[in-house]
Amino acid sequence: MRTSINILFFFLPFLVFWLYVSWARRRGAAHPPEWPWIMLTVVGVGLVAASFIFFRLTSVDEADCGQYVPAHYEDGQLIDGHCERQTP
């Protein structure tokens, strides 16, 4: 899921610029703007880096997890893996 979001963030500036160029051509622009490949790539990489930081800051930290209980069967039901906080 995160990979697809990062791919979307990378290509988002290209998509927005393509929509802008398409709009400019429909409005009758004599010379539509050239594609600024380097700037679009830098902005895309910046968005991906920002998403890495966002996902890191909002993810559950293993140090806060306490005791990890792996997925297991209990009474015929699959119980997902989860963290159990240890209370002193």
C-alpha atoms as a PDB file:
ATOM      1  CA  MET A   1       0.000   0.000   0.000  1.00  0.00           C
ATOM      2  CA  ARG A   2       2.739   2.439   0.922  1.00  0.00           C
ATOM      3  CA  THR A   3       4.606   1.606  -2.272  1.00  0.00           C
ATOM      4  CA  SER A   4       1.621   2.474  -4.449  1.00  0.00           C
ATOM      5  CA  ILE A   5       1.114   5.724  -2.521  1.00  0.00           C
ATOM      6  CA  ASN A   6       4.783   6.642  -3.021  1.00  0.00           C
ATOM      7  CA  ILE A   7       4.526   5.878  -6.747  1.00  0.00           C
ATOM      8  CA  LEU A   8       1.445   8.105  -6.912  1.00  0.00           C
ATOM      9  CA  PHE A   9       3.276  10.897  -5.076  1.00  0.00           C
ATOM     10  CA  PHE A  10       6.219  10.642  -7.479  1.00  0.00           C
ATOM     11  CA  PHE A  11       4.066  10.878 -10.601  1.00  0.00           C
ATOM     12  CA  LEU A  12       1.660  13.498  -9.191  1.00  0.00           C
ATOM     13  CA  PRO A  13       3.679  16.548 -10.390  1.00  0.00           C
ATOM     14  CA  PHE A  14       3.894  15.042 -13.890  1.00  0.00           C
ATOM     15  CA  LEU A  15       0.135  14.444 -13.925  1.00  0.00           C
ATOM     16  CA  VAL A  16      -0.636  17.976 -12.725  1.00  0.00           C
ATOM     17  CA  PHE A  17       1.698  19.490 -15.321  1.00  0.00           C
ATOM     18  CA  TRP A  18       0.206  17.304 -18.071  1.00  0.00           C
ATOM     19  CA  LEU A  19      -3.282  18.516 -17.106  1.00  0.00           C
ATOM     20  CA  TYR A  20      -2.018  22.100 -17.213  1.00  0.00           C
ATOM     21  CA  VAL A  21      -0.480  21.642 -20.663  1.00  0.00           C
ATOM     22  CA  SER A  22      -3.668  19.976 -21.931  1.00  0.00           C
ATOM     23  CA  TRP A  23      -5.728  22.856 -20.569  1.00  0.00           C
ATOM     24  CA  ALA A  24      -3.367  25.406 -22.174  1.00  0.00           C
ATOM     25  CA  ARG A  25      -3.626  23.668 -25.562  1.00  0.00           C
ATOM     26  CA  ARG A  26      -7.424  23.643 -25.393  1.00  0.00           C
ATOM     27  CA  ARG A  27      -7.403  27.344 -24.569  1.00  0.00           C
ATOM     28  CA  GLY A  28      -5.409  27.920 -27.753  1.00  0.00           C
ATOM     29  CA  ALA A  29      -1.919  28.542 -26.429  1.00  0.00           C
ATOM     30  CA  ALA A  30       0.363  29.191 -29.384  1.00  0.00           C
ATOM     31  CA  HIS A  31       3.366  27.627 -27.687  1.00  0.00           C
ATOM     32  CA  PRO A  32       2.498  25.315 -24.797  1.00  0.00           C
ATOM     33  CA  PRO A  33       5.181  25.223 -22.109  1.00  0.00           C
ATOM     34  CA  GLU A  34       8.066  22.798 -22.347  1.00  0.00           C
ATOM     35  CA  TRP A  35       8.231  19.902 -19.893  1.00  0.00           C
ATOM     36  CA  PRO A  36      10.555  20.841 -17.000  1.00  0.00           C
ATOM     37  CA  TRP A  37      11.714  17.268 -16.392  1.00  0.00           C
ATOM     38  CA  ILE A  38      14.286  18.067 -13.728  1.00  0.00           C
ATOM     39  CA  MET A  39      11.945  20.268 -11.695  1.00  0.00           C
ATOM     40  CA  LEU A  40       9.102  17.722 -11.895  1.00  0.00           C
ATOM     41  CA  THR A  41      11.469  14.932 -10.823  1.00  0.00           C
ATOM     42  CA  VAL A  42      12.799  16.962  -7.885  1.00  0.00           C
ATOM     43  CA  VAL A  43       9.262  17.791  -6.736  1.00  0.00           C
ATOM     44  CA  GLY A  44       8.245  14.118  -7.090  1.00  0.00           C
ATOM     45  CA  VAL A  45      11.242  12.937  -5.073  1.00  0.00           C
ATOM     46  CA  GLY A  46      10.474  15.607  -2.478  1.00  0.00           C
ATOM     47  CA  LEU A  47       6.887  14.352  -2.150  1.00  0.00           C
ATOM     48  CA  VAL A  48       8.126  10.780  -1.749  1.00  0.00           C
ATOM     49  CA  ALA A  49      10.629  11.880   0.919  1.00  0.00           C
ATOM     50  CA  ALA A  50       7.854  13.771   2.727  1.00  0.00           C
ATOM     51  CA  SER A  51       5.670  10.661   2.626  1.00  0.00           C
ATOM     52  CA  PHE A  52       8.528   8.578   4.093  1.00  0.00           C
ATOM     53  CA  ILE A  53       8.781  11.040   6.965  1.00  0.00           C
ATOM     54  CA  PHE A  54       4.992  11.118   7.431  1.00  0.00           C
ATOM     55  CA  PHE A  55       4.681   7.335   7.471  1.00  0.00           C
ATOM     56  CA  ARG A  56       7.586   7.015   9.906  1.00  0.00           C
ATOM     57  CA  LEU A  57       6.118   9.570  12.294  1.00  0.00           C
ATOM     58  CA  THR A  58       2.629   8.064  12.205  1.00  0.00           C
ATOM     59  CA  SER A  59       3.530   4.377  12.361  1.00  0.00           C
ATOM     60  CA  VAL A  60       3.493   2.331  15.549  1.00  0.00           C
ATOM     61  CA  ASP A  61       6.946   2.117  17.024  1.00  0.00           C
ATOM     62  CA  GLU A  62       8.143  -1.323  18.088  1.00  0.00           C
ATOM     63  CA  ALA A  63       9.561   0.114  21.305  1.00  0.00           C
ATOM     64  CA  ASP A  64       6.030   1.170  22.276  1.00  0.00           C
ATOM     65  CA  CYS A  65       4.655  -2.245  21.378  1.00  0.00           C
ATOM     66  CA  GLY A  66       5.456  -4.089  24.564  1.00  0.00           C
ATOM     67  CA  GLN A  67       5.024  -7.833  23.933  1.00  0.00           C
ATOM     68  CA  TYR A  68       4.189  -8.895  20.353  1.00  0.00           C
ATOM     69  CA  VAL A  69       1.739 -11.785  20.118  1.00  0.00           C
ATOM     70  CA  PRO A  70       1.965 -13.485  16.694  1.00  0.00           C
ATOM     71  CA  ALA A  71      -1.113 -14.569  14.748  1.00  0.00           C
ATOM     72  CA  HIS A  72      -2.575 -17.803  16.065  1.00  0.00           C
ATOM     73  CA  TYR A  73      -5.694 -19.955  16.077  1.00  0.00           C
ATOM     74  CA  GLU A  74      -7.943 -19.790  19.103  1.00  0.00           C
ATOM     75  CA  ASP A  75     -11.163 -21.841  19.201  1.00  0.00           C
ATOM     76  CA  GLY A  76     -11.039 -22.289  15.415  1.00  0.00           C
ATOM     77  CA  GLN A  77     -10.714 -18.536  14.776  1.00  0.00           C
ATOM     78  CA  LEU A  78      -7.601 -16.860  13.394  1.00  0.00           C
ATOM     79  CA  ILE A  79      -6.472 -14.131  15.762  1.00  0.00           C
ATOM     80  CA  ASP A  80      -4.312 -11.474  14.098  1.00  0.00           C
ATOM     81  CA  GLY A  81      -0.903 -10.632  15.473  1.00  0.00           C
ATOM     82  CA  HIS A  82      -0.990  -7.730  17.882  1.00  0.00           C
ATOM     83  CA  CYS A  83       0.899  -5.921  20.598  1.00  0.00           C
ATOM     84  CA  GLU A  84       0.050  -6.306  24.245  1.00  0.00           C
ATOM     85  CA  ARG A  85       1.177  -3.518  26.472  1.00  0.00           C
ATOM     86  CA  GLN A  86       2.723  -4.690  29.699  1.00  0.00           C
ATOM     87  CA  THR A  87       1.310  -2.904  32.693  1.00  0.00           C
ATOM     88  CA  PRO A  88       3.579  -2.653  35.725  1.00  0.00           C
END
